[in-house]
């Protein structure tokens, strides 16, 4: 019988790496605006091992949109914009070695027709928390659009509520000035555009509308596209309408 040396056993035990709990805080910030949290249903967060694609943690950001002045008046390349109440997702992952982690986010969850996906990668060291400053902050581009349409005779009435991905309001002369936003409705049949017309700002917050000639009877796609003429940030919503 071959007897194992006690030294070999000790070496085997010493060679077994133990996973270290590693804290990560993720914040999702709307392009041009504030944090995506409770008001918009939050953003879904998924953390993966970038090499194996294994999911390390997942959840939804929760909390408020943050301090308006701190966020909107911030200066510098990497300003601190988060306060304790700003929406976040905090988790602890167990890793045994330096790990490249892929962050995937999608939101806002309460506006399913306007959901956008964004991703980023970062190296995480075992036991070294990723929660300094803003935490792991990722920007979510887009505008959330909630459209409505009605037919009156041969006229279509198109209305759309447009807001930032955090739910921040578009108003005349406000931080998100209605004069900077261009909103257009277009009617499509298959891949052919039948009609298109701009919507006018009519009511705060974020209310745009237009009346346009109805196309012939049938089913069409109604596309509402909105864009900030200053920053280029844009949003899109598609729905199906029936014309009598």
C-alpha atoms as a PDB file:
ATOM      1  CA  UNK A   1       0.000   0.000   0.000  1.00  0.00           C
ATOM      2  CA  UNK A   2       1.302   3.454  -0.936  1.00  0.00           C
ATOM      3  CA  UNK A   3       1.103   5.957   1.883  1.00  0.00           C
ATOM      4  CA  UNK A   4       0.590   9.642   1.038  1.00  0.00           C
ATOM      5  CA  UNK A   5       3.094  12.025   2.548  1.00  0.00           C
ATOM      6  CA  UNK A   6       1.532  14.524   5.004  1.00  0.00           C
ATOM      7  CA  UNK A   7       3.478  17.240   3.205  1.00  0.00           C
ATOM      8  CA  UNK A   8       1.667  16.466  -0.056  1.00  0.00           C
ATOM      9  CA  UNK A   9      -1.679  16.708   1.743  1.00  0.00           C
ATOM     10  CA  UNK A  10      -0.717  20.103   3.177  1.00  0.00           C
ATOM     11  CA  UNK A  11       0.356  21.355  -0.251  1.00  0.00           C
ATOM     12  CA  UNK A  12      -2.946  20.250  -1.752  1.00  0.00           C
ATOM     13  CA  UNK A  13      -4.897  22.079   0.946  1.00  0.00           C
ATOM     14  CA  UNK A  14      -2.769  25.218   0.547  1.00  0.00           C
ATOM     15  CA  UNK A  15      -3.286  25.132  -3.212  1.00  0.00           C
ATOM     16  CA  UNK A  16      -7.072  25.297  -2.953  1.00  0.00           C
ATOM     17  CA  UNK A  17      -8.093  28.922  -3.543  1.00  0.00           C
ATOM     18  CA  UNK A  18     -11.042  30.140  -1.517  1.00  0.00           C
ATOM     19  CA  UNK A  19     -13.576  32.514  -3.013  1.00  0.00           C
ATOM     20  CA  UNK A  20     -13.628  35.978  -1.491  1.00  0.00           C
ATOM     21  CA  UNK A  21     -16.882  37.931  -1.090  1.00  0.00           C
ATOM     22  CA  UNK A  22     -16.590  41.033  -3.275  1.00  0.00           C
ATOM     23  CA  UNK A  23     -19.110  43.875  -3.085  1.00  0.00           C
ATOM     24  CA  UNK A  24     -20.313  45.596  -6.255  1.00  0.00           C
ATOM     25  CA  UNK A  25     -22.650  48.591  -6.516  1.00  0.00           C
ATOM     26  CA  UNK A  26     -24.118  49.399  -9.941  1.00  0.00           C
ATOM     27  CA  UNK A  27     -25.872  52.633 -10.908  1.00  0.00           C
ATOM     28  CA  UNK A  28     -27.621  53.306 -14.206  1.00  0.00           C
ATOM     29  CA  UNK A  29     -27.807  56.938 -15.266  1.00  0.00           C
ATOM     30  CA  UNK A  30     -30.049  58.231 -18.042  1.00  0.00           C
ATOM     31  CA  UNK A  31     -28.261  60.065 -20.830  1.00  0.00           C
ATOM     32  CA  UNK A  32     -28.676  63.828 -20.332  1.00  0.00           C
ATOM     33  CA  UNK A  33     -30.379  63.267 -16.984  1.00  0.00           C
ATOM     34  CA  UNK A  34     -30.545  61.350 -13.684  1.00  0.00           C
ATOM     35  CA  UNK A  35     -30.534  57.832 -12.236  1.00  0.00           C
ATOM     36  CA  UNK A  36     -32.981  55.138 -13.368  1.00  0.00           C
ATOM     37  CA  UNK A  37     -34.880  53.897 -10.322  1.00  0.00           C
ATOM     38  CA  UNK A  38     -38.281  53.269  -8.798  1.00  0.00           C
ATOM     39  CA  UNK A  39     -40.213  55.888 -10.806  1.00  0.00           C
ATOM     40  CA  UNK A  40     -39.509  53.987 -14.035  1.00  0.00           C
ATOM     41  CA  UNK A  41     -39.421  50.455 -12.626  1.00  0.00           C
ATOM     42  CA  UNK A  42     -35.632  50.486 -12.420  1.00  0.00           C
ATOM     43  CA  UNK A  43     -33.179  48.846 -14.789  1.00  0.00           C
ATOM     44  CA  UNK A  44     -32.375  45.134 -14.821  1.00  0.00           C
ATOM     45  CA  UNK A  45     -28.724  44.430 -14.005  1.00  0.00           C
ATOM     46  CA  UNK A  46     -26.818  41.261 -14.899  1.00  0.00           C
ATOM     47  CA  UNK A  47     -23.199  40.610 -13.954  1.00  0.00           C
ATOM     48  CA  UNK A  48     -21.387  37.875 -15.885  1.00  0.00           C
ATOM     49  CA  UNK A  49     -17.969  36.322 -15.963  1.00  0.00           C
ATOM     50  CA  UNK A  50     -16.847  37.815 -19.291  1.00  0.00           C
ATOM     51  CA  UNK A  51     -14.898  34.664 -20.224  1.00  0.00           C
ATOM     52  CA  UNK A  52     -17.299  31.879 -19.263  1.00  0.00           C
ATOM     53  CA  UNK A  53     -20.540  33.932 -19.585  1.00  0.00           C
ATOM     54  CA  UNK A  54     -21.627  32.533 -16.214  1.00  0.00           C
ATOM     55  CA  UNK A  55     -24.078  34.794 -14.369  1.00  0.00           C
ATOM     56  CA  UNK A  56     -22.513  36.017 -11.141  1.00  0.00           C
ATOM     57  CA  UNK A  57     -25.443  38.147  -9.925  1.00  0.00           C
ATOM     58  CA  UNK A  58     -28.600  39.841 -11.176  1.00  0.00           C
ATOM     59  CA  UNK A  59     -31.238  42.235  -9.904  1.00  0.00           C
ATOM     60  CA  UNK A  60     -32.962  45.578 -10.474  1.00  0.00           C
ATOM     61  CA  UNK A  61     -31.860  49.085  -9.525  1.00  0.00           C
ATOM     62  CA  UNK A  62     -33.983  50.622  -6.777  1.00  0.00           C
ATOM     63  CA  UNK A  63     -34.134  54.070  -5.225  1.00  0.00           C
ATOM     64  CA  UNK A  64     -34.612  57.660  -6.310  1.00  0.00           C
ATOM     65  CA  UNK A  65     -33.360  59.638  -9.275  1.00  0.00           C
ATOM     66  CA  UNK A  66     -30.739  61.403  -7.146  1.00  0.00           C
ATOM     67  CA  UNK A  67     -29.773  64.986  -6.335  1.00  0.00           C
ATOM     68  CA  UNK A  68     -30.775  67.132  -9.313  1.00  0.00           C
ATOM     69  CA  UNK A  69     -28.311  69.943  -8.650  1.00  0.00           C
ATOM     70  CA  UNK A  70     -25.393  67.605  -7.938  1.00  0.00           C
ATOM     71  CA  UNK A  71     -26.028  65.667 -11.152  1.00  0.00           C
ATOM     72  CA  UNK A  72     -26.945  68.429 -13.573  1.00  0.00           C
ATOM     73  CA  UNK A  73     -24.384  70.985 -12.340  1.00  0.00           C
ATOM     74  CA  UNK A  74     -21.500  68.494 -12.135  1.00  0.00           C
ATOM     75  CA  UNK A  75     -18.181  69.420 -13.743  1.00  0.00           C
ATOM     76  CA  UNK A  76     -15.049  67.541 -14.704  1.00  0.00           C
ATOM     77  CA  UNK A  77     -14.211  64.253 -16.402  1.00  0.00           C
ATOM     78  CA  UNK A  78     -15.495  61.916 -13.669  1.00  0.00           C
ATOM     79  CA  UNK A  79     -17.566  63.939 -11.197  1.00  0.00           C
ATOM     80  CA  UNK A  80     -19.225  62.379  -8.162  1.00  0.00           C
ATOM     81  CA  UNK A  81     -22.934  62.453  -8.937  1.00  0.00           C
ATOM     82  CA  UNK A  82     -24.354  59.761  -6.652  1.00  0.00           C
ATOM     83  CA  UNK A  83     -25.852  60.293  -3.207  1.00  0.00           C
ATOM     84  CA  UNK A  84     -26.964  57.488  -0.862  1.00  0.00           C
ATOM     85  CA  UNK A  85     -30.596  57.623  -2.014  1.00  0.00           C
ATOM     86  CA  UNK A  86     -29.717  57.471  -5.730  1.00  0.00           C
ATOM     87  CA  UNK A  87     -31.014  54.298  -7.354  1.00  0.00           C
ATOM     88  CA  UNK A  88     -28.579  51.390  -7.329  1.00  0.00           C
ATOM     89  CA  UNK A  89     -28.194  47.629  -7.294  1.00  0.00           C
ATOM     90  CA  UNK A  90     -25.751  46.261  -4.721  1.00  0.00           C
ATOM     91  CA  UNK A  91     -24.615  42.662  -4.560  1.00  0.00           C
ATOM     92  CA  UNK A  92     -21.728  40.492  -3.391  1.00  0.00           C
ATOM     93  CA  UNK A  93     -20.063  38.049  -5.762  1.00  0.00           C
ATOM     94  CA  UNK A  94     -17.642  35.283  -4.782  1.00  0.00           C
ATOM     95  CA  UNK A  95     -14.512  35.164  -6.941  1.00  0.00           C
ATOM     96  CA  UNK A  96     -11.189  33.421  -6.416  1.00  0.00           C
ATOM     97  CA  UNK A  97      -9.022  35.328  -8.883  1.00  0.00           C
ATOM     98  CA  UNK A  98      -8.965  38.599 -10.840  1.00  0.00           C
ATOM     99  CA  UNK A  99     -12.073  38.404 -13.028  1.00  0.00           C
ATOM    100  CA  UNK A 100     -13.169  40.395 -16.031  1.00  0.00           C
ATOM    101  CA  UNK A 101     -16.850  41.048 -15.345  1.00  0.00           C
ATOM    102  CA  UNK A 102     -19.382  42.063 -17.972  1.00  0.00           C
ATOM    103  CA  UNK A 103     -22.169  44.369 -16.841  1.00  0.00           C
ATOM    104  CA  UNK A 104     -25.416  44.204 -18.831  1.00  0.00           C
ATOM    105  CA  UNK A 105     -28.333  46.544 -18.152  1.00  0.00           C
ATOM    106  CA  UNK A 106     -31.763  47.014 -19.709  1.00  0.00           C
ATOM    107  CA  UNK A 107     -34.460  49.517 -18.890  1.00  0.00           C
ATOM    108  CA  UNK A 108     -36.534  51.335 -17.975  1.00  0.00           C
ATOM    109  CA  UNK A 109     -38.652  48.313 -17.040  1.00  0.00           C
ATOM    110  CA  UNK A 110     -41.904  50.292 -16.700  1.00  0.00           C
ATOM    111  CA  UNK A 111     -41.630  51.444 -20.330  1.00  0.00           C
ATOM    112  CA  UNK A 112     -41.271  48.126 -22.193  1.00  0.00           C
ATOM    113  CA  UNK A 113     -41.736  49.727 -25.618  1.00  0.00           C
ATOM    114  CA  UNK A 114     -38.697  51.943 -25.052  1.00  0.00           C
ATOM    115  CA  UNK A 115     -36.263  49.548 -23.336  1.00  0.00           C
ATOM    116  CA  UNK A 116     -32.611  49.980 -24.298  1.00  0.00           C
ATOM    117  CA  UNK A 117     -29.698  47.629 -23.544  1.00  0.00           C
ATOM    118  CA  UNK A 118     -26.208  48.773 -22.575  1.00  0.00           C
ATOM    119  CA  UNK A 119     -23.106  46.915 -21.451  1.00  0.00           C
ATOM    120  CA  UNK A 120     -19.578  47.442 -20.155  1.00  0.00           C
ATOM    121  CA  UNK A 121     -16.660  45.389 -18.832  1.00  0.00           C
ATOM    122  CA  UNK A 122     -14.372  45.856 -15.843  1.00  0.00           C
ATOM    123  CA  UNK A 123     -11.699  43.877 -14.001  1.00  0.00           C
ATOM    124  CA  UNK A 124     -12.705  42.972 -10.454  1.00  0.00           C
ATOM    125  CA  UNK A 125     -10.188  41.849  -7.802  1.00  0.00           C
ATOM    126  CA  UNK A 126     -11.253  39.334  -5.127  1.00  0.00           C
ATOM    127  CA  UNK A 127     -12.190  41.091  -1.909  1.00  0.00           C
ATOM    128  CA  UNK A 128     -11.803  44.613  -3.330  1.00  0.00           C
ATOM    129  CA  UNK A 129     -15.190  46.336  -3.338  1.00  0.00           C
ATOM    130  CA  UNK A 130     -16.415  48.152  -6.452  1.00  0.00           C
ATOM    131  CA  UNK A 131     -18.531  50.757  -4.725  1.00  0.00           C
ATOM    132  CA  UNK A 132     -16.313  53.838  -4.539  1.00  0.00           C
ATOM    133  CA  UNK A 133     -17.598  57.184  -5.803  1.00  0.00           C
ATOM    134  CA  UNK A 134     -20.555  56.550  -8.113  1.00  0.00           C
ATOM    135  CA  UNK A 135     -20.013  52.798  -7.947  1.00  0.00           C
ATOM    136  CA  UNK A 136     -19.927  51.057 -11.303  1.00  0.00           C
ATOM    137  CA  UNK A 137     -21.954  53.625 -13.239  1.00  0.00           C
ATOM    138  CA  UNK A 138     -23.206  53.022 -16.761  1.00  0.00           C
ATOM    139  CA  UNK A 139     -25.100  55.413 -19.009  1.00  0.00           C
ATOM    140  CA  UNK A 140     -28.401  54.364 -20.563  1.00  0.00           C
ATOM    141  CA  UNK A 141     -29.167  56.280 -23.776  1.00  0.00           C
ATOM    142  CA  UNK A 142     -32.678  56.839 -25.029  1.00  0.00           C
ATOM    143  CA  UNK A 143     -36.003  58.544 -24.453  1.00  0.00           C
ATOM    144  CA  UNK A 144     -39.112  56.802 -23.124  1.00  0.00           C
ATOM    145  CA  UNK A 145     -42.149  57.272 -25.376  1.00  0.00           C
ATOM    146  CA  UNK A 146     -45.774  56.396 -24.601  1.00  0.00           C
ATOM    147  CA  UNK A 147     -47.943  56.955 -27.704  1.00  0.00           C
ATOM    148  CA  UNK A 148     -51.696  56.999 -28.258  1.00  0.00           C
ATOM    149  CA  UNK A 149     -53.718  57.252 -31.458  1.00  0.00           C
ATOM    150  CA  UNK A 150     -57.369  57.719 -32.329  1.00  0.00           C
ATOM    151  CA  UNK A 151     -59.199  58.006 -35.643  1.00  0.00           C
ATOM    152  CA  UNK A 152     -61.774  60.700 -36.295  1.00  0.00           C
ATOM    153  CA  UNK A 153     -63.217  60.262 -39.757  1.00  0.00           C
ATOM    154  CA  UNK A 154     -60.301  60.523 -42.172  1.00  0.00           C
ATOM    155  CA  UNK A 155     -57.987  62.052 -39.589  1.00  0.00           C
ATOM    156  CA  UNK A 156     -55.589  60.374 -37.187  1.00  0.00           C
ATOM    157  CA  UNK A 157     -54.921  62.073 -33.874  1.00  0.00           C
ATOM    158  CA  UNK A 158     -51.460  61.099 -32.587  1.00  0.00           C
ATOM    159  CA  UNK A 159     -50.347  61.875 -29.061  1.00  0.00           C
ATOM    160  CA  UNK A 160     -47.085  60.953 -27.373  1.00  0.00           C
ATOM    161  CA  UNK A 161     -45.709  61.421 -23.893  1.00  0.00           C
ATOM    162  CA  UNK A 162     -41.929  61.757 -24.054  1.00  0.00           C
ATOM    163  CA  UNK A 163     -39.645  61.613 -21.025  1.00  0.00           C
ATOM    164  CA  UNK A 164     -36.058  60.897 -20.114  1.00  0.00           C
ATOM    165  CA  UNK A 165     -35.214  57.291 -19.193  1.00  0.00           C
ATOM    166  CA  UNK A 166     -35.246  58.291 -15.517  1.00  0.00           C
ATOM    167  CA  UNK A 167     -38.715  59.797 -15.849  1.00  0.00           C
ATOM    168  CA  UNK A 168     -37.368  63.351 -15.737  1.00  0.00           C
ATOM    169  CA  UNK A 169     -39.889  65.811 -17.238  1.00  0.00           C
ATOM    170  CA  UNK A 170     -39.634  67.695 -20.516  1.00  0.00           C
ATOM    171  CA  UNK A 171     -41.022  71.206 -19.992  1.00  0.00           C
ATOM    172  CA  UNK A 172     -40.752  74.639 -21.643  1.00  0.00           C
ATOM    173  CA  UNK A 173     -37.601  76.378 -20.366  1.00  0.00           C
ATOM    174  CA  UNK A 174     -36.873  73.588 -17.874  1.00  0.00           C
ATOM    175  CA  UNK A 175     -33.731  71.550 -17.313  1.00  0.00           C
ATOM    176  CA  UNK A 176     -35.000  69.348 -20.144  1.00  0.00           C
ATOM    177  CA  UNK A 177     -36.314  72.123 -22.373  1.00  0.00           C
ATOM    178  CA  UNK A 178     -39.173  71.177 -24.699  1.00  0.00           C
ATOM    179  CA  UNK A 179     -37.713  73.494 -27.360  1.00  0.00           C
ATOM    180  CA  UNK A 180     -34.724  71.137 -27.720  1.00  0.00           C
ATOM    181  CA  UNK A 181     -36.804  68.068 -28.593  1.00  0.00           C
ATOM    182  CA  UNK A 182     -38.014  67.054 -32.043  1.00  0.00           C
ATOM    183  CA  UNK A 183     -40.776  64.442 -32.200  1.00  0.00           C
ATOM    184  CA  UNK A 184     -42.079  62.842 -35.396  1.00  0.00           C
ATOM    185  CA  UNK A 185     -44.827  60.332 -36.160  1.00  0.00           C
ATOM    186  CA  UNK A 186     -44.640  58.153 -39.255  1.00  0.00           C
ATOM    187  CA  UNK A 187     -46.990  55.533 -40.714  1.00  0.00           C
ATOM    188  CA  UNK A 188     -45.503  52.435 -42.310  1.00  0.00           C
ATOM    189  CA  UNK A 189     -46.896  49.548 -44.341  1.00  0.00           C
ATOM    190  CA  UNK A 190     -44.279  46.837 -44.492  1.00  0.00           C
ATOM    191  CA  UNK A 191     -41.007  48.610 -45.238  1.00  0.00           C
ATOM    192  CA  UNK A 192     -42.656  51.534 -47.014  1.00  0.00           C
ATOM    193  CA  UNK A 193     -43.264  54.831 -45.259  1.00  0.00           C
ATOM    194  CA  UNK A 194     -46.748  56.102 -46.049  1.00  0.00           C
ATOM    195  CA  UNK A 195     -46.735  59.402 -44.184  1.00  0.00           C
ATOM    196  CA  UNK A 196     -44.683  61.381 -41.670  1.00  0.00           C
ATOM    197  CA  UNK A 197     -45.258  64.575 -39.745  1.00  0.00           C
ATOM    198  CA  UNK A 198     -43.761  66.398 -36.732  1.00  0.00           C
ATOM    199  CA  UNK A 199     -45.593  66.583 -33.424  1.00  0.00           C
ATOM    200  CA  UNK A 200     -45.943  69.880 -31.569  1.00  0.00           C
ATOM    201  CA  UNK A 201     -45.349  70.299 -27.853  1.00  0.00           C
ATOM    202  CA  UNK A 202     -48.782  70.889 -26.284  1.00  0.00           C
ATOM    203  CA  UNK A 203     -48.661  70.199 -22.551  1.00  0.00           C
ATOM    204  CA  UNK A 204     -46.275  69.642 -19.655  1.00  0.00           C
ATOM    205  CA  UNK A 205     -44.656  67.351 -18.966  1.00  0.00           C
ATOM    206  CA  UNK A 206     -43.603  65.909 -22.288  1.00  0.00           C
ATOM    207  CA  UNK A 207     -46.922  66.021 -24.140  1.00  0.00           C
ATOM    208  CA  UNK A 208     -46.692  66.188 -27.951  1.00  0.00           C
ATOM    209  CA  UNK A 209     -49.477  65.770 -30.509  1.00  0.00           C
ATOM    210  CA  UNK A 210     -50.499  66.153 -34.153  1.00  0.00           C
ATOM    211  CA  UNK A 211     -53.437  65.454 -36.460  1.00  0.00           C
ATOM    212  CA  UNK A 212     -52.577  63.833 -39.775  1.00  0.00           C
ATOM    213  CA  UNK A 213     -54.527  62.413 -42.738  1.00  0.00           C
ATOM    214  CA  UNK A 214     -55.448  58.759 -42.291  1.00  0.00           C
ATOM    215  CA  UNK A 215     -54.155  56.384 -44.948  1.00  0.00           C
ATOM    216  CA  UNK A 216     -56.480  53.874 -46.636  1.00  0.00           C
ATOM    217  CA  UNK A 217     -58.113  51.126 -44.548  1.00  0.00           C
ATOM    218  CA  UNK A 218     -55.799  48.454 -43.198  1.00  0.00           C
ATOM    219  CA  UNK A 219     -53.190  47.688 -40.572  1.00  0.00           C
ATOM    220  CA  UNK A 220     -50.105  49.870 -40.257  1.00  0.00           C
ATOM    221  CA  UNK A 221     -47.093  50.458 -38.049  1.00  0.00           C
ATOM    222  CA  UNK A 222     -47.093  53.715 -36.137  1.00  0.00           C
ATOM    223  CA  UNK A 223     -43.556  54.847 -35.359  1.00  0.00           C
ATOM    224  CA  UNK A 224     -42.873  57.726 -32.973  1.00  0.00           C
ATOM    225  CA  UNK A 225     -39.286  58.972 -32.959  1.00  0.00           C
ATOM    226  CA  UNK A 226     -37.968  61.650 -30.605  1.00  0.00           C
ATOM    227  CA  UNK A 227     -34.566  63.308 -30.515  1.00  0.00           C
ATOM    228  CA  UNK A 228     -32.786  65.961 -28.504  1.00  0.00           C
ATOM    229  CA  UNK A 229     -31.560  68.388 -31.163  1.00  0.00           C
ATOM    230  CA  UNK A 230     -28.706  69.508 -28.904  1.00  0.00           C
ATOM    231  CA  UNK A 231     -27.240  66.186 -27.700  1.00  0.00           C
ATOM    232  CA  UNK A 232     -28.568  63.694 -30.266  1.00  0.00           C
ATOM    233  CA  UNK A 233     -30.072  61.454 -27.581  1.00  0.00           C
ATOM    234  CA  UNK A 234     -33.062  59.701 -29.151  1.00  0.00           C
ATOM    235  CA  UNK A 235     -35.983  57.378 -28.479  1.00  0.00           C
ATOM    236  CA  UNK A 236     -38.262  55.167 -30.569  1.00  0.00           C
ATOM    237  CA  UNK A 237     -41.604  53.433 -30.108  1.00  0.00           C
ATOM    238  CA  UNK A 238     -43.453  51.203 -32.565  1.00  0.00           C
ATOM    239  CA  UNK A 239     -47.036  50.013 -32.365  1.00  0.00           C
ATOM    240  CA  UNK A 240     -49.676  48.560 -34.691  1.00  0.00           C
ATOM    241  CA  UNK A 241     -52.771  50.562 -35.624  1.00  0.00           C
ATOM    242  CA  UNK A 242     -55.880  49.697 -37.621  1.00  0.00           C
ATOM    243  CA  UNK A 243     -57.362  52.302 -39.950  1.00  0.00           C
ATOM    244  CA  UNK A 244     -61.032  52.016 -40.875  1.00  0.00           C
END
